[in-house]
PDB file of all heavy atoms in Angstrom:
ATOM      1  N   GLU A   1      -7.821   1.940  -3.081  1.00  0.00           N
ATOM      2  CA  GLU A   1      -6.902   2.029  -1.882  1.00  0.00           C
ATOM      3  C   GLU A   1      -7.145   0.792  -0.946  1.00  0.00           C
ATOM      4  O   GLU A   1      -6.258   0.346  -0.256  1.00  0.00           O
ATOM      5  CB  GLU A   1      -7.187   3.314  -1.120  1.00  0.00           C
ATOM      6  CG  GLU A   1      -6.168   3.589  -0.052  1.00  0.00           C
ATOM      7  CD  GLU A   1      -6.415   2.967   1.270  1.00  0.00           C
ATOM      8  OE1 GLU A   1      -7.671   2.603   1.508  1.00  0.00           O
ATOM      9  OE2 GLU A   1      -5.529   2.705   2.116  1.00  0.00           O
ATOM     10  N   ILE A   2      -8.306   0.289  -0.905  1.00  0.00           N
ATOM     11  CA  ILE A   2      -8.649  -0.881  -0.028  1.00  0.00           C
ATOM     12  C   ILE A   2      -7.726  -1.997  -0.300  1.00  0.00           C
ATOM     13  O   ILE A   2      -7.152  -2.638   0.501  1.00  0.00           O
ATOM     14  CB  ILE A   2     -10.144  -1.288  -0.140  1.00  0.00           C
ATOM     15  CG1 ILE A   2     -11.073  -0.229   0.320  1.00  0.00           C
ATOM     16  CG2 ILE A   2     -10.379  -2.605   0.584  1.00  0.00           C
ATOM     17  CD1 ILE A   2     -12.515  -0.485  -0.013  1.00  0.00           C
ATOM     18  N   PHE A   3      -7.552  -2.304  -1.616  1.00  0.00           N
ATOM     19  CA  PHE A   3      -6.704  -3.454  -1.954  1.00  0.00           C
ATOM     20  C   PHE A   3      -5.265  -3.205  -1.755  1.00  0.00           C
ATOM     21  O   PHE A   3      -4.459  -4.093  -1.377  1.00  0.00           O
ATOM     22  CB  PHE A   3      -6.979  -3.813  -3.449  1.00  0.00           C
ATOM     23  CG  PHE A   3      -8.431  -4.091  -3.765  1.00  0.00           C
ATOM     24  CD1 PHE A   3      -9.232  -3.123  -4.368  1.00  0.00           C
ATOM     25  CD2 PHE A   3      -8.979  -5.315  -3.355  1.00  0.00           C
ATOM     26  CE1 PHE A   3     -10.557  -3.418  -4.541  1.00  0.00           C
ATOM     27  CE2 PHE A   3     -10.345  -5.582  -3.606  1.00  0.00           C
ATOM     28  CZ  PHE A   3     -11.090  -4.592  -4.205  1.00  0.00           C
ATOM     29  N   GLU A   4      -4.848  -1.957  -1.963  1.00  0.00           N
ATOM     30  CA  GLU A   4      -3.416  -1.578  -1.659  1.00  0.00           C
ATOM     31  C   GLU A   4      -3.172  -1.652  -0.125  1.00  0.00           C
ATOM     32  O   GLU A   4      -2.070  -2.100   0.278  1.00  0.00           O
ATOM     33  CB  GLU A   4      -3.099  -0.185  -2.224  1.00  0.00           C
ATOM     34  CG  GLU A   4      -3.121  -0.110  -3.728  1.00  0.00           C
ATOM     35  CD  GLU A   4      -2.252  -1.211  -4.316  1.00  0.00           C
ATOM     36  OE1 GLU A   4      -1.136  -1.418  -3.865  1.00  0.00           O
ATOM     37  OE2 GLU A   4      -2.685  -1.785  -5.337  1.00  0.00           O
ATOM     38  N   ARG A   5      -4.080  -1.217   0.676  1.00  0.00           N
ATOM     39  CA  ARG A   5      -3.928  -1.380   2.099  1.00  0.00           C
ATOM     40  C   ARG A   5      -3.903  -2.835   2.556  1.00  0.00           C
ATOM     41  O   ARG A   5      -3.146  -3.221   3.371  1.00  0.00           O
ATOM     42  CB  ARG A   5      -5.029  -0.576   2.866  1.00  0.00           C
ATOM     43  CG  ARG A   5      -4.745  -0.450   4.342  1.00  0.00           C
ATOM     44  CD  ARG A   5      -5.680   0.523   5.042  1.00  0.00           C
ATOM     45  NE  ARG A   5      -5.528   1.849   4.541  1.00  0.00           N
ATOM     46  CZ  ARG A   5      -5.709   2.971   5.267  1.00  0.00           C
ATOM     47  NH1 ARG A   5      -6.029   2.883   6.547  1.00  0.00           N
ATOM     48  NH2 ARG A   5      -5.556   4.173   4.737  1.00  0.00           N
ATOM     49  N   ARG A   6      -4.720  -3.632   1.916  1.00  0.00           N
ATOM     50  CA  ARG A   6      -4.741  -5.014   2.156  1.00  0.00           C
ATOM     51  C   ARG A   6      -3.370  -5.603   1.833  1.00  0.00           C
ATOM     52  O   ARG A   6      -2.837  -6.448   2.612  1.00  0.00           O
ATOM     53  CB  ARG A   6      -5.792  -5.654   1.327  1.00  0.00           C
ATOM     54  CG  ARG A   6      -5.800  -7.252   1.397  1.00  0.00           C
ATOM     55  CD  ARG A   6      -5.051  -7.894   0.372  1.00  0.00           C
ATOM     56  NE  ARG A   6      -4.979  -9.311   0.502  1.00  0.00           N
ATOM     57  CZ  ARG A   6      -3.975 -10.071  -0.020  1.00  0.00           C
ATOM     58  NH1 ARG A   6      -3.023  -9.496  -0.728  1.00  0.00           N
ATOM     59  NH2 ARG A   6      -4.030 -11.362   0.137  1.00  0.00           N
ATOM     60  N   ASN A   7      -2.784  -5.216   0.748  1.00  0.00           N
ATOM     61  CA  ASN A   7      -1.460  -5.732   0.336  1.00  0.00           C
ATOM     62  C   ASN A   7      -0.364  -5.303   1.337  1.00  0.00           C
ATOM     63  O   ASN A   7       0.531  -6.119   1.660  1.00  0.00           O
ATOM     64  CB  ASN A   7      -1.085  -5.239  -1.037  1.00  0.00           C
ATOM     65  CG  ASN A   7      -1.935  -5.862  -2.105  1.00  0.00           C
ATOM     66  OD1 ASN A   7      -2.557  -6.899  -1.952  1.00  0.00           O
ATOM     67  ND2 ASN A   7      -2.001  -5.204  -3.251  1.00  0.00           N
ATOM     68  N   GLN A   8      -0.510  -4.124   1.929  1.00  0.00           N
ATOM     69  CA  GLN A   8       0.463  -3.665   2.897  1.00  0.00           C
ATOM     70  C   GLN A   8       0.402  -4.492   4.195  1.00  0.00           C
ATOM     71  O   GLN A   8       1.394  -4.792   4.778  1.00  0.00           O
ATOM     72  CB  GLN A   8       0.271  -2.208   3.256  1.00  0.00           C
ATOM     73  CG  GLN A   8       0.563  -1.205   2.081  1.00  0.00           C
ATOM     74  CD  GLN A   8       1.895  -1.479   1.477  1.00  0.00           C
ATOM     75  OE1 GLN A   8       2.026  -1.831   0.397  1.00  0.00           O
ATOM     76  NE2 GLN A   8       2.896  -1.089   2.274  1.00  0.00           N
ATOM     77  N   TYR A   9      -0.809  -4.891   4.544  1.00  0.00           N
ATOM     78  CA  TYR A   9      -0.935  -5.707   5.793  1.00  0.00           C
ATOM     79  C   TYR A   9      -0.510  -7.182   5.473  1.00  0.00           C
ATOM     80  O   TYR A   9      -0.079  -7.923   6.352  1.00  0.00           O
ATOM     81  CB  TYR A   9      -2.341  -5.663   6.282  1.00  0.00           C
ATOM     82  CG  TYR A   9      -2.488  -4.563   7.356  1.00  0.00           C
ATOM     83  CD1 TYR A   9      -2.988  -3.300   6.940  1.00  0.00           C
ATOM     84  CD2 TYR A   9      -2.236  -4.760   8.684  1.00  0.00           C
ATOM     85  CE1 TYR A   9      -3.101  -2.281   7.825  1.00  0.00           C
ATOM     86  CE2 TYR A   9      -2.342  -3.766   9.596  1.00  0.00           C
ATOM     87  CZ  TYR A   9      -2.724  -2.561   9.212  1.00  0.00           C
ATOM     88  OH  TYR A   9      -2.879  -1.515  10.131  1.00  0.00           O
ATOM     89  N   ALA A  10      -0.729  -7.626   4.286  1.00  0.00           N
ATOM     90  CA  ALA A  10      -0.371  -9.024   3.891  1.00  0.00           C
ATOM     91  C   ALA A  10       1.130  -9.195   3.719  1.00  0.00           C
ATOM     92  O   ALA A  10       1.657 -10.211   4.037  1.00  0.00           O
ATOM     93  CB  ALA A  10      -1.111  -9.357   2.605  1.00  0.00           C
ATOM     94  N   HIS A  11       1.821  -8.070   3.244  1.00  0.00           N
ATOM     95  CA  HIS A  11       3.213  -8.210   2.914  1.00  0.00           C
ATOM     96  C   HIS A  11       4.159  -7.355   3.665  1.00  0.00           C
ATOM     97  O   HIS A  11       5.418  -7.512   3.569  1.00  0.00           O
ATOM     98  CB  HIS A  11       3.394  -7.974   1.396  1.00  0.00           C
ATOM     99  CG  HIS A  11       2.491  -8.776   0.544  1.00  0.00           C
ATOM    100  ND1 HIS A  11       2.554 -10.164   0.479  1.00  0.00           N
ATOM    101  CD2 HIS A  11       1.491  -8.448  -0.360  1.00  0.00           C
ATOM    102  CE1 HIS A  11       1.664 -10.644  -0.388  1.00  0.00           C
ATOM    103  NE2 HIS A  11       1.031  -9.626  -0.876  1.00  0.00           N
ATOM    104  N   ALA A  12       3.631  -6.298   4.376  1.00  0.00           N
ATOM    105  CA  ALA A  12       4.510  -5.349   5.063  1.00  0.00           C
ATOM    106  C   ALA A  12       4.038  -5.045   6.487  1.00  0.00           C
ATOM    107  O   ALA A  12       4.390  -4.029   7.027  1.00  0.00           O
ATOM    108  CB  ALA A  12       4.615  -4.094   4.230  1.00  0.00           C
ATOM    109  N   ASN A  13       3.149  -5.891   6.998  1.00  0.00           N
ATOM    110  CA  ASN A  13       2.634  -5.735   8.387  1.00  0.00           C
ATOM    111  C   ASN A  13       1.943  -4.381   8.557  1.00  0.00           C
ATOM    112  O   ASN A  13       1.945  -3.815   9.648  1.00  0.00           O
ATOM    113  CB  ASN A  13       3.781  -5.895   9.424  1.00  0.00           C
ATOM    114  CG  ASN A  13       3.291  -6.150  10.796  1.00  0.00           C
ATOM    115  OD1 ASN A  13       2.163  -6.713  10.974  1.00  0.00           O
ATOM    116  ND2 ASN A  13       4.020  -5.631  11.811  1.00  0.00           N
ATOM    117  N   GLY A  14       1.373  -3.867   7.487  1.00  0.00           N
ATOM    118  CA  GLY A  14       0.588  -2.606   7.591  1.00  0.00           C
ATOM    119  C   GLY A  14       1.503  -1.376   7.576  1.00  0.00           C
ATOM    120  O   GLY A  14       0.923  -0.284   7.850  1.00  0.00           O
ATOM    121  N   VAL A  15       2.719  -1.513   7.277  1.00  0.00           N
ATOM    122  CA  VAL A  15       3.629  -0.383   7.230  1.00  0.00           C
ATOM    123  C   VAL A  15       3.618   0.270   5.860  1.00  0.00           C
ATOM    124  O   VAL A  15       3.717  -0.425   4.855  1.00  0.00           O
ATOM    125  CB  VAL A  15       5.091  -0.785   7.616  1.00  0.00           C
ATOM    126  CG1 VAL A  15       6.032   0.392   7.558  1.00  0.00           C
ATOM    127  CG2 VAL A  15       5.083  -1.319   9.064  1.00  0.00           C
ATOM    128  N   VAL A  16       3.620   1.601   5.813  1.00  0.00           N
ATOM    129  CA  VAL A  16       3.611   2.317   4.543  1.00  0.00           C
ATOM    130  C   VAL A  16       4.956   2.083   3.794  1.00  0.00           C
ATOM    131  O   VAL A  16       6.034   2.248   4.383  1.00  0.00           O
ATOM    132  CB  VAL A  16       3.328   3.808   4.753  1.00  0.00           C
ATOM    133  CG1 VAL A  16       3.499   4.581   3.419  1.00  0.00           C
ATOM    134  CG2 VAL A  16       1.972   4.008   5.334  1.00  0.00           C
ATOM    135  N   THR A  17       4.878   1.781   2.545  1.00  0.00           N
ATOM    136  CA  THR A  17       6.101   1.658   1.671  1.00  0.00           C
ATOM    137  C   THR A  17       6.074   2.665   0.558  1.00  0.00           C
ATOM    138  O   THR A  17       4.981   3.259   0.308  1.00  0.00           O
ATOM    139  CB  THR A  17       6.221   0.210   1.103  1.00  0.00           C
ATOM    140  OG1 THR A  17       4.996  -0.048   0.291  1.00  0.00           O
ATOM    141  CG2 THR A  17       6.239  -0.842   2.249  1.00  0.00           C
ATOM    142  N   ARG A  18       7.158   2.817  -0.103  1.00  0.00           N
ATOM    143  CA  ARG A  18       7.242   3.708  -1.244  1.00  0.00           C
ATOM    144  C   ARG A  18       6.226   3.254  -2.353  1.00  0.00           C
ATOM    145  O   ARG A  18       5.603   4.070  -2.980  1.00  0.00           O
ATOM    146  CB  ARG A  18       8.680   3.756  -1.800  1.00  0.00           C
ATOM    147  CG  ARG A  18       8.827   4.728  -2.962  1.00  0.00           C
ATOM    148  CD  ARG A  18      10.256   4.708  -3.489  1.00  0.00           C
ATOM    149  NE  ARG A  18      11.186   5.047  -2.494  1.00  0.00           N
ATOM    150  CZ  ARG A  18      11.479   6.276  -2.083  1.00  0.00           C
ATOM    151  NH1 ARG A  18      10.904   7.299  -2.668  1.00  0.00           N
ATOM    152  NH2 ARG A  18      12.379   6.525  -1.112  1.00  0.00           N
ATOM    153  N   SER A  19       6.221   1.982  -2.614  1.00  0.00           N
ATOM    154  CA  SER A  19       5.300   1.412  -3.596  1.00  0.00           C
ATOM    155  C   SER A  19       3.825   1.850  -3.332  1.00  0.00           C
ATOM    156  O   SER A  19       3.081   2.253  -4.254  1.00  0.00           O
ATOM    157  CB  SER A  19       5.426  -0.090  -3.727  1.00  0.00           C
ATOM    158  OG  SER A  19       4.509  -0.641  -4.605  1.00  0.00           O
ATOM    159  N   TYR A  20       3.403   1.693  -2.082  1.00  0.00           N
ATOM    160  CA  TYR A  20       2.059   2.039  -1.726  1.00  0.00           C
ATOM    161  C   TYR A  20       1.760   3.515  -1.966  1.00  0.00           C
ATOM    162  O   TYR A  20       0.734   3.832  -2.583  1.00  0.00           O
ATOM    163  CB  TYR A  20       1.867   1.784  -0.173  1.00  0.00           C
ATOM    164  CG  TYR A  20       0.616   2.237   0.383  1.00  0.00           C
ATOM    165  CD1 TYR A  20      -0.563   1.501   0.280  1.00  0.00           C
ATOM    166  CD2 TYR A  20       0.555   3.414   1.174  1.00  0.00           C
ATOM    167  CE1 TYR A  20      -1.777   1.914   0.855  1.00  0.00           C
ATOM    168  CE2 TYR A  20      -0.653   3.859   1.764  1.00  0.00           C
ATOM    169  CZ  TYR A  20      -1.787   3.128   1.593  1.00  0.00           C
ATOM    170  OH  TYR A  20      -2.973   3.547   2.118  1.00  0.00           O
ATOM    171  N   LEU A  21       2.671   4.385  -1.598  1.00  0.00           N
ATOM    172  CA  LEU A  21       2.460   5.853  -1.874  1.00  0.00           C
ATOM    173  C   LEU A  21       2.405   6.151  -3.325  1.00  0.00           C
ATOM    174  O   LEU A  21       1.650   6.920  -3.802  1.00  0.00           O
ATOM    175  CB  LEU A  21       3.563   6.660  -1.165  1.00  0.00           C
ATOM    176  CG  LEU A  21       3.561   6.575   0.359  1.00  0.00           C
ATOM    177  CD1 LEU A  21       4.726   7.382   0.962  1.00  0.00           C
ATOM    178  CD2 LEU A  21       2.243   7.100   0.974  1.00  0.00           C
ATOM    179  N   GLU A  22       3.319   5.557  -4.089  1.00  0.00           N
ATOM    180  CA  GLU A  22       3.385   5.820  -5.532  1.00  0.00           C
ATOM    181  C   GLU A  22       2.084   5.377  -6.247  1.00  0.00           C
ATOM    182  O   GLU A  22       1.543   6.106  -7.148  1.00  0.00           O
ATOM    183  CB  GLU A  22       4.619   5.159  -6.115  1.00  0.00           C
ATOM    184  CG  GLU A  22       5.928   5.762  -5.717  1.00  0.00           C
ATOM    185  CD  GLU A  22       7.133   5.002  -6.253  1.00  0.00           C
ATOM    186  OE1 GLU A  22       6.925   3.861  -6.730  1.00  0.00           O
ATOM    187  OE2 GLU A  22       8.266   5.552  -6.167  1.00  0.00           O
ATOM    188  N   LYS A  23       1.566   4.217  -5.847  1.00  0.00           N
ATOM    189  CA  LYS A  23       0.338   3.773  -6.462  1.00  0.00           C
ATOM    190  C   LYS A  23      -0.842   4.607  -6.124  1.00  0.00           C
ATOM    191  O   LYS A  23      -1.679   4.936  -7.013  1.00  0.00           O
ATOM    192  CB  LYS A  23       0.074   2.308  -5.996  1.00  0.00           C
ATOM    193  CG  LYS A  23       0.997   1.286  -6.587  1.00  0.00           C
ATOM    194  CD  LYS A  23       0.704  -0.105  -6.089  1.00  0.00           C
ATOM    195  CE  LYS A  23       1.634  -1.115  -6.667  1.00  0.00           C
ATOM    196  NZ  LYS A  23       1.386  -2.464  -6.130  1.00  0.00           N
ATOM    197  N   LEU A  24      -0.925   5.055  -4.873  1.00  0.00           N
ATOM    198  CA  LEU A  24      -2.019   5.993  -4.527  1.00  0.00           C
ATOM    199  C   LEU A  24      -1.908   7.347  -5.203  1.00  0.00           C
ATOM    200  O   LEU A  24      -2.977   7.881  -5.604  1.00  0.00           O
ATOM    201  CB  LEU A  24      -2.087   6.142  -3.027  1.00  0.00           C
ATOM    202  CG  LEU A  24      -2.368   4.884  -2.171  1.00  0.00           C
ATOM    203  CD1 LEU A  24      -2.665   5.291  -0.756  1.00  0.00           C
ATOM    204  CD2 LEU A  24      -3.593   4.115  -2.728  1.00  0.00           C
ATOM    205  N   GLU A  25      -0.676   7.859  -5.358  1.00  0.00           N
ATOM    206  CA  GLU A  25      -0.494   9.095  -5.985  1.00  0.00           C
ATOM    207  C   GLU A  25      -0.927   9.050  -7.424  1.00  0.00           C
ATOM    208  O   GLU A  25      -1.557   9.995  -8.006  1.00  0.00           O
ATOM    209  CB  GLU A  25       0.920   9.555  -5.910  1.00  0.00           C
ATOM    210  CG  GLU A  25       1.332  10.018  -4.553  1.00  0.00           C
ATOM    211  CD  GLU A  25       2.824  10.296  -4.395  1.00  0.00           C
ATOM    212  OE1 GLU A  25       3.576   9.996  -5.373  1.00  0.00           O
ATOM    213  OE2 GLU A  25       3.210  10.904  -3.386  1.00  0.00           O
ATOM    214  N   ARG A  26      -0.688   7.856  -8.150  1.00  0.00           N
ATOM    215  CA  ARG A  26      -1.131   7.745  -9.519  1.00  0.00           C
ATOM    216  C   ARG A  26      -2.664   7.728  -9.606  1.00  0.00           C
ATOM    217  O   ARG A  26      -3.205   8.148 -10.626  1.00  0.00           O
ATOM    218  CB  ARG A  26      -0.595   6.416 -10.103  1.00  0.00           C
ATOM    219  CG  ARG A  26       0.927   6.500 -10.422  1.00  0.00           C
ATOM    220  CD  ARG A  26       1.255   5.390 -11.359  1.00  0.00           C
ATOM    221  NE  ARG A  26       1.118   4.013 -10.791  1.00  0.00           N
ATOM    222  CZ  ARG A  26       2.078   3.371 -10.157  1.00  0.00           C
ATOM    223  NH1 ARG A  26       3.297   3.928  -9.987  1.00  0.00           N
ATOM    224  NH2 ARG A  26       1.846   2.162  -9.630  1.00  0.00           N
ATOM    225  N   GLU A  27      -3.358   7.276  -8.590  1.00  0.00           N
ATOM    226  CA  GLU A  27      -4.782   7.276  -8.582  1.00  0.00           C
ATOM    227  C   GLU A  27      -5.399   8.494  -7.925  1.00  0.00           C
ATOM    228  O   GLU A  27      -6.597   8.593  -7.811  1.00  0.00           O
ATOM    229  CB  GLU A  27      -5.322   6.045  -7.870  1.00  0.00           C
ATOM    230  CG  GLU A  27      -4.826   4.662  -8.451  1.00  0.00           C
ATOM    231  CD  GLU A  27      -5.314   4.470  -9.873  1.00  0.00           C
ATOM    232  OE1 GLU A  27      -6.390   4.964 -10.232  1.00  0.00           O
ATOM    233  OE2 GLU A  27      -4.562   3.861 -10.628  1.00  0.00           O
TER     234      GLU A  27
END
């Protein structure tokens, strides 16, 4: 999750996206 949260801040200003939720649900 650390790397996915990093990606959200790098590419979406820290806002939750569908991709973020789907990846975490898979894990």
